[in-house]
Amino acid sequence: MTEQAGPRTPVDVVVVGGGAAGLSGALTLARARRSVLVIDNGRPRNAPAAHVHSYLTRDGESPARLLELGRDEVTRHGGRIVPGTVVTAERSDAGAFRVLLDDGTAVEAGRLLVTTGLVDELPPVPGLAERLGRDVLHCPYCHGWEVRDRAIGVLATGPLAVHQALLWRQWSAEITLFRHTAPEFGDDAYEELAARGIAVVDGQVARLETAGDRLTAVVLAGGRAVPCEALAVSPRFTARAGLLTGLGLEAREQEWAGEVIGTHIPADPTGATDVPGVWVAGNVTDLTGQVIGAAAAGVRAAAAINADLIAEDTRRAVAARRSRIKEDAHR
């Protein structure tokens, strides 16, 4: 259940983003009897995908259904969920966080948990974006089982393409590596590919060919069509982190095997950022994390936030007790 936008009172924690990480964090905080408000724009990254996979007891569930169940659990425990897009966040005069929405409203919170995810920046090949999450795929652990033993292409855009092709080989013996815009591979790479029976096709990919809403071939710039039922790609993963710039948090480049794969917000293992009181969880900080990992990260961050709030509550209680003792002594 999602509330309509309206007046918002100060809360213990504002969660920005209502995906697996955000809802898991909100549920944990609500069960810890914290006042928690989730602000979500309703545009999950995995919306094009038909199913969520490798999520224990929920394998094959639709992303929409998983979020529906999660929202219900959060609200049943007293959490609130409102639609909206957070534009920026800043420190209030009282030291709390003031979260500004695109509709002009604002809410204050003692802590922030940002789970806004990332944007997949795809290679500029016509037809690629429209098929993402269906037969254009980037994660074999998410989709490999569903395309097992089919003709799978790998679109190379950098040196990691060889690793990607060898990885997808686990799910099918029919792997074709399209060199596209990647630099020439070394002799060792060609030997590894040949040993695993992976074909390498030179030339840039011009477009995808479909029939009956299914991918059937990859068409090269010269017109050659190579049969293909699924195409693996390597997007650039860009963190949705613009709202944090007002707090002095900037996304940084993340490398894997010496290649930049995108940007992320650095954090410690609990999700704590360099700004006290701000935590992150999910793909905004872990670019390659799957849905179940994002959910776990949300729980971990929420527990750390609750511990931080408990420490603050205790400091205030001790200060209040000392004040009462001092007053009593002067009577």
Protein backbone atom coordinates (compact mmCIF):
# COMPACT_ATOMS: atom_id res chain seq x y z
CA MET A 1 0.00 0.00 0.00
CA THR A 2 1.32 3.44 -0.95
CA GLU A 3 0.06 6.68 0.56
CA GLN A 4 -0.81 9.69 -1.50
CA ALA A 5 1.54 12.62 -1.13
CA GLY A 6 0.64 15.02 1.64
CA PRO A 7 1.93 16.76 4.77
CA ARG A 8 4.91 14.97 6.24
CA THR A 9 6.07 15.22 9.83
CA PRO A 10 9.64 14.61 11.06
CA VAL A 11 10.58 10.94 11.22
CA ASP A 12 13.46 8.88 12.57
CA VAL A 13 14.51 7.71 9.12
CA VAL A 14 13.71 8.63 5.55
CA VAL A 15 14.41 5.87 3.03
CA VAL A 16 14.90 7.17 -0.50
CA GLY A 17 14.01 4.41 -2.95
CA GLY A 18 11.47 1.64 -2.58
CA GLY A 19 13.18 -1.34 -4.16
CA ALA A 20 14.43 -4.48 -2.44
CA ALA A 21 17.10 -2.63 -0.46
CA GLY A 22 14.86 0.24 0.59
CA LEU A 23 11.87 -1.87 1.57
CA SER A 24 14.01 -4.38 3.47
CA GLY A 25 15.63 -1.52 5.36
CA ALA A 26 12.27 0.10 6.05
CA LEU A 27 10.79 -3.17 7.29
CA THR A 28 13.72 -3.72 9.66
CA LEU A 29 13.41 -0.18 11.03
CA ALA A 30 9.63 -0.40 11.38
CA ARG A 31 9.99 -3.67 13.28
CA ALA A 32 12.49 -1.87 15.52
CA ARG A 33 9.67 0.57 16.31
CA ARG A 34 11.26 3.46 14.43
CA SER A 35 9.19 5.97 12.50
CA VAL A 36 10.19 5.44 8.88
CA LEU A 37 9.08 7.03 5.64
CA VAL A 38 9.89 5.52 2.23
CA ILE A 39 9.87 7.88 -0.75
CA ASP A 40 9.75 6.06 -4.07
CA ASN A 41 9.36 7.29 -7.66
CA GLY A 42 7.88 4.00 -8.91
CA ARG A 43 10.56 3.40 -11.57
CA PRO A 44 12.51 0.30 -10.50
CA ARG A 45 15.56 -0.64 -12.54
CA ASN A 46 14.40 -4.23 -13.06
CA ALA A 47 10.90 -3.31 -14.27
CA PRO A 48 11.55 -4.66 -17.82
CA ALA A 49 12.46 -8.09 -16.45
CA ALA A 50 9.69 -10.69 -16.26
CA HIS A 51 11.08 -12.45 -13.20
CA VAL A 52 13.43 -12.17 -10.24
CA HIS A 53 15.88 -15.05 -9.89
CA SER A 54 18.21 -16.52 -7.28
CA TYR A 55 16.02 -15.06 -4.52
CA LEU A 56 15.41 -17.95 -2.14
CA THR A 57 11.68 -18.93 -1.96
CA ARG A 58 10.85 -16.21 -4.53
CA ASP A 59 12.69 -17.47 -7.62
CA GLY A 60 10.60 -16.65 -10.68
CA GLU A 61 8.51 -13.99 -8.93
CA SER A 62 7.78 -10.88 -10.98
CA PRO A 63 9.60 -7.74 -9.81
CA ALA A 64 6.29 -5.92 -9.45
CA ARG A 65 4.82 -8.66 -7.25
CA LEU A 66 7.93 -8.77 -5.07
CA LEU A 67 7.67 -5.03 -4.43
CA GLU A 68 3.92 -5.29 -3.81
CA LEU A 69 4.51 -7.90 -1.11
CA GLY A 70 7.32 -5.82 0.37
CA ARG A 71 5.25 -2.64 0.55
CA ASP A 72 2.48 -4.53 2.31
CA GLU A 73 4.90 -5.87 4.92
CA VAL A 74 6.37 -2.41 5.58
CA THR A 75 2.99 -0.73 6.03
CA ARG A 76 1.65 -3.55 8.20
CA HIS A 77 4.45 -2.80 10.64
CA GLY A 78 3.75 0.93 10.71
CA GLY A 79 6.09 2.17 8.01
CA ARG A 80 4.83 4.78 5.56
CA ILE A 81 5.38 4.83 1.80
CA VAL A 82 4.71 7.86 -0.37
CA PRO A 83 5.21 8.44 -4.09
CA GLY A 84 7.67 11.09 -5.15
CA THR A 85 11.13 11.92 -6.41
CA VAL A 86 13.73 13.34 -4.05
CA VAL A 87 15.58 16.24 -5.65
CA THR A 88 18.13 16.91 -2.96
CA ALA A 89 18.90 16.50 0.71
CA GLU A 90 20.50 18.99 3.06
CA ARG A 91 21.22 19.58 6.71
CA SER A 92 18.49 21.46 8.57
CA ASP A 93 19.24 24.21 11.07
CA ALA A 94 18.54 21.72 13.85
CA GLY A 95 21.15 19.30 12.50
CA ALA A 96 18.69 16.80 11.05
CA PHE A 97 18.27 16.07 7.35
CA ARG A 98 15.82 17.97 5.20
CA VAL A 99 14.72 16.00 2.14
CA LEU A 100 13.27 18.06 -0.72
CA LEU A 101 10.86 16.52 -3.26
CA ASP A 102 10.08 17.53 -6.81
CA ASP A 103 6.55 18.58 -5.80
CA GLY A 104 7.98 21.29 -3.53
CA THR A 105 7.31 19.48 -0.25
CA ALA A 106 9.93 18.50 2.29
CA VAL A 107 10.37 16.18 5.23
CA GLU A 108 12.90 16.11 8.05
CA ALA A 109 14.56 12.99 9.37
CA GLY A 110 17.20 12.06 11.88
CA ARG A 111 18.88 9.64 9.47
CA LEU A 112 18.89 8.90 5.74
CA LEU A 113 19.01 5.55 3.98
CA VAL A 114 19.53 6.04 0.23
CA THR A 115 18.68 3.05 -1.98
CA THR A 116 18.15 4.76 -5.32
CA GLY A 117 19.95 2.13 -7.39
CA LEU A 118 21.62 2.83 -10.71
CA VAL A 119 21.03 3.51 -14.39
CA ASP A 120 22.20 1.04 -17.05
CA GLU A 121 23.94 3.03 -19.78
CA LEU A 122 23.86 0.69 -22.78
CA PRO A 123 26.02 0.67 -25.90
CA PRO A 124 24.34 2.72 -28.67
CA VAL A 125 23.06 -0.18 -30.76
CA PRO A 126 19.55 0.21 -32.22
CA GLY A 127 17.06 -2.14 -30.58
CA LEU A 128 19.24 -2.91 -27.57
CA ALA A 129 17.46 -0.87 -24.90
CA GLU A 130 13.99 -2.09 -25.91
CA ARG A 131 14.97 -5.70 -25.23
CA LEU A 132 16.91 -5.22 -22.00
CA GLY A 133 15.77 -7.68 -19.36
CA ARG A 134 14.13 -9.98 -21.91
CA ASP A 135 16.72 -11.36 -24.33
CA VAL A 136 19.32 -8.61 -23.93
CA LEU A 137 20.93 -9.52 -20.62
CA HIS A 138 23.85 -8.51 -18.45
CA CYS A 139 23.83 -10.98 -15.53
CA PRO A 140 24.14 -14.73 -16.15
CA TYR A 141 23.27 -15.49 -12.53
CA CYS A 142 20.00 -13.61 -13.01
CA HIS A 143 19.06 -14.96 -16.45
CA GLY A 144 21.50 -17.67 -17.52
CA TRP A 145 19.27 -20.60 -16.59
CA GLU A 146 16.41 -19.23 -18.70
CA VAL A 147 18.57 -19.07 -21.86
CA ARG A 148 20.62 -22.22 -21.24
CA ASP A 149 21.68 -24.20 -24.31
CA ARG A 150 20.57 -21.44 -26.66
CA ALA A 151 22.64 -19.41 -29.12
CA ILE A 152 24.00 -16.59 -26.93
CA GLY A 153 25.96 -13.62 -28.21
CA VAL A 154 28.27 -11.42 -26.17
CA LEU A 155 28.64 -7.80 -27.27
CA ALA A 156 32.21 -6.70 -26.60
CA THR A 157 32.82 -3.07 -25.69
CA GLY A 158 35.99 -3.46 -23.59
CA PRO A 159 38.65 -5.87 -22.37
CA LEU A 160 36.29 -7.54 -19.88
CA ALA A 161 34.33 -9.05 -22.78
CA VAL A 162 36.55 -12.13 -22.86
CA HIS A 163 35.81 -12.84 -19.21
CA GLN A 164 32.12 -12.28 -19.90
CA ALA A 165 32.11 -14.73 -22.81
CA LEU A 166 33.90 -17.39 -20.75
CA LEU A 167 31.37 -16.83 -17.97
CA TRP A 168 28.33 -17.27 -20.22
CA ARG A 169 29.92 -20.42 -21.63
CA GLN A 170 28.82 -22.11 -18.39
CA TRP A 171 25.20 -21.91 -19.56
CA SER A 172 25.57 -22.76 -23.24
CA ALA A 173 28.01 -24.31 -25.70
CA GLU A 174 26.80 -21.88 -28.41
CA ILE A 175 28.56 -18.66 -27.52
CA THR A 176 29.56 -16.03 -30.06
CA LEU A 177 31.69 -13.07 -29.05
CA PHE A 178 31.02 -10.01 -31.20
CA ARG A 179 34.19 -7.88 -30.96
CA HIS A 180 32.19 -4.73 -31.87
CA THR A 181 34.10 -1.77 -30.34
CA ALA A 182 36.46 -3.69 -28.06
CA PRO A 183 40.20 -3.49 -28.65
CA GLU A 184 41.99 -6.43 -30.22
CA PHE A 185 42.29 -9.34 -27.82
CA GLY A 186 45.67 -10.82 -26.92
CA ASP A 187 46.93 -14.23 -28.02
CA ASP A 188 46.17 -15.78 -24.62
CA ALA A 189 42.57 -14.55 -24.82
CA TYR A 190 42.09 -16.02 -28.30
CA GLU A 191 43.53 -19.31 -27.10
CA GLU A 192 41.14 -19.44 -24.13
CA LEU A 193 38.17 -18.62 -26.34
CA ALA A 194 39.14 -21.25 -28.89
CA ALA A 195 39.68 -23.86 -26.18
CA ARG A 196 36.13 -23.27 -24.94
CA GLY A 197 34.64 -23.34 -28.43
CA ILE A 198 33.65 -19.66 -28.42
CA ALA A 199 33.47 -18.08 -31.86
CA VAL A 200 34.78 -14.53 -32.34
CA VAL A 201 33.14 -12.30 -34.94
CA ASP A 202 34.89 -9.10 -36.04
CA GLY A 203 33.09 -5.97 -37.17
CA GLN A 204 30.70 -3.60 -35.46
CA VAL A 205 27.15 -4.58 -34.65
CA ALA A 206 24.63 -2.40 -36.49
CA ARG A 207 21.32 -3.61 -35.07
CA LEU A 208 19.32 -6.49 -33.66
CA GLU A 209 16.93 -8.56 -35.72
CA THR A 210 13.70 -9.86 -34.20
CA ALA A 211 10.71 -11.97 -35.21
CA GLY A 212 7.55 -12.42 -33.19
CA ASP A 213 8.99 -10.21 -30.42
CA ARG A 214 12.00 -12.51 -30.03
CA LEU A 215 15.64 -11.85 -30.79
CA THR A 216 16.71 -13.93 -33.78
CA ALA A 217 19.98 -12.45 -35.02
CA VAL A 218 22.69 -9.85 -34.55
CA VAL A 219 23.27 -7.86 -37.74
CA LEU A 220 26.74 -6.51 -38.49
CA ALA A 221 27.49 -3.22 -40.22
CA GLY A 222 28.29 -5.11 -43.44
CA GLY A 223 24.87 -6.73 -43.44
CA ARG A 224 25.81 -10.20 -42.18
CA ALA A 225 23.21 -11.63 -39.80
CA VAL A 226 24.50 -14.02 -37.12
CA PRO A 227 21.78 -16.17 -35.49
CA CYS A 228 21.37 -15.28 -31.83
CA GLU A 229 18.62 -15.93 -29.27
CA ALA A 230 20.08 -13.89 -26.40
CA LEU A 231 22.67 -11.15 -26.26
CA ALA A 232 24.84 -10.40 -23.24
CA VAL A 233 25.94 -6.80 -22.79
CA SER A 234 28.09 -4.83 -20.35
CA PRO A 235 26.34 -1.56 -19.48
CA ARG A 236 28.07 1.25 -17.68
CA PHE A 237 26.47 1.31 -14.24
CA THR A 238 25.80 4.89 -13.14
CA ALA A 239 24.67 5.45 -9.56
CA ARG A 240 21.52 7.52 -9.06
CA ALA A 241 23.22 9.75 -6.53
CA GLY A 242 22.56 13.33 -7.60
CA LEU A 243 20.35 13.97 -4.57
CA LEU A 244 23.38 13.54 -2.28
CA THR A 245 25.49 16.36 -3.74
CA GLY A 246 23.87 18.84 -1.35
CA LEU A 247 25.40 16.85 1.49
CA GLY A 248 28.84 16.76 -0.10
CA LEU A 249 28.63 13.16 -1.31
CA GLU A 250 29.76 12.58 -4.87
CA ALA A 251 29.69 9.32 -6.82
CA ARG A 252 33.12 7.90 -7.63
CA GLU A 253 34.30 5.66 -10.41
CA GLN A 254 34.50 1.97 -9.64
CA GLU A 255 36.91 -0.38 -11.37
CA TRP A 256 36.83 -4.11 -11.89
CA ALA A 257 39.89 -5.93 -13.25
CA GLY A 258 41.39 -2.57 -14.15
CA GLU A 259 38.38 -1.32 -16.13
CA VAL A 260 35.91 1.34 -15.03
CA ILE A 261 32.47 -0.26 -14.88
CA GLY A 262 30.54 2.72 -13.52
CA THR A 263 30.08 5.03 -10.55
CA HIS A 264 29.00 4.35 -6.99
CA ILE A 265 28.74 5.94 -3.55
CA PRO A 266 31.51 4.47 -1.39
CA ALA A 267 30.45 3.12 2.01
CA ASP A 268 31.66 0.84 4.77
CA PRO A 269 30.30 -2.73 5.16
CA THR A 270 27.21 -1.44 7.01
CA GLY A 271 26.45 1.11 4.29
CA ALA A 272 27.64 4.13 6.28
CA THR A 273 28.97 6.91 4.04
CA ASP A 274 31.50 9.64 4.74
CA VAL A 275 28.64 11.86 5.92
CA PRO A 276 27.52 10.95 9.47
CA GLY A 277 23.86 9.95 9.49
CA VAL A 278 23.72 8.92 5.83
CA TRP A 279 23.68 5.27 4.78
CA VAL A 280 23.42 3.66 1.34
CA ALA A 281 22.39 0.16 0.31
CA GLY A 282 21.84 -1.78 -2.90
CA ASN A 283 23.12 -0.93 -6.36
CA VAL A 284 23.79 2.74 -5.57
CA THR A 285 26.88 1.49 -3.72
CA ASP A 286 27.22 -2.15 -4.92
CA LEU A 287 27.07 -2.02 -8.71
CA THR A 288 27.02 -5.75 -9.32
CA GLY A 289 24.76 -6.81 -6.45
CA GLN A 290 21.68 -8.93 -7.17
CA VAL A 291 18.20 -8.41 -5.72
CA ILE A 292 18.69 -10.74 -2.77
CA GLY A 293 22.00 -9.05 -1.96
CA ALA A 294 20.34 -5.64 -2.08
CA ALA A 295 17.68 -6.84 0.34
CA ALA A 296 20.33 -8.14 2.73
CA ALA A 297 22.25 -4.86 2.49
CA GLY A 298 19.08 -2.94 3.36
CA VAL A 299 18.64 -5.01 6.52
CA ARG A 300 22.30 -4.55 7.48
CA ALA A 301 22.15 -0.78 6.98
CA ALA A 302 18.89 -0.52 8.93
CA ALA A 303 20.40 -2.36 11.89
CA ALA A 304 23.36 0.04 11.87
CA ILE A 305 21.03 3.03 11.68
CA ASN A 306 18.96 1.76 14.59
CA ALA A 307 22.13 1.22 16.64
CA ASP A 308 23.21 4.78 15.86
CA LEU A 309 19.80 6.12 16.92
CA ILE A 310 19.94 4.07 20.12
CA ALA A 311 23.30 5.64 20.95
CA GLU A 312 21.82 9.08 20.37
CA ASP A 313 18.72 8.27 22.44
CA THR A 314 20.99 7.08 25.25
CA ARG A 315 23.14 10.21 25.16
CA ARG A 316 20.02 12.35 25.42
CA ALA A 317 18.63 10.23 28.25
CA VAL A 318 21.90 10.48 30.19
CA ALA A 319 22.00 14.25 29.68
CA ALA A 320 18.38 14.56 30.83
CA ARG A 321 19.06 12.41 33.91
CA ARG A 322 22.09 14.47 34.87
CA SER A 323 20.05 17.63 34.46
CA ARG A 324 17.34 16.29 36.77
CA ILE A 325 19.89 15.21 39.37
CA LYS A 326 21.50 18.65 39.24
CA GLU A 327 18.13 20.36 39.64
CA ASP A 328 17.22 18.13 42.56
CA ALA A 329 20.55 18.94 44.24
CA HIS A 330 19.79 22.65 44.12
CA ARG A 331 16.36 22.35 45.72
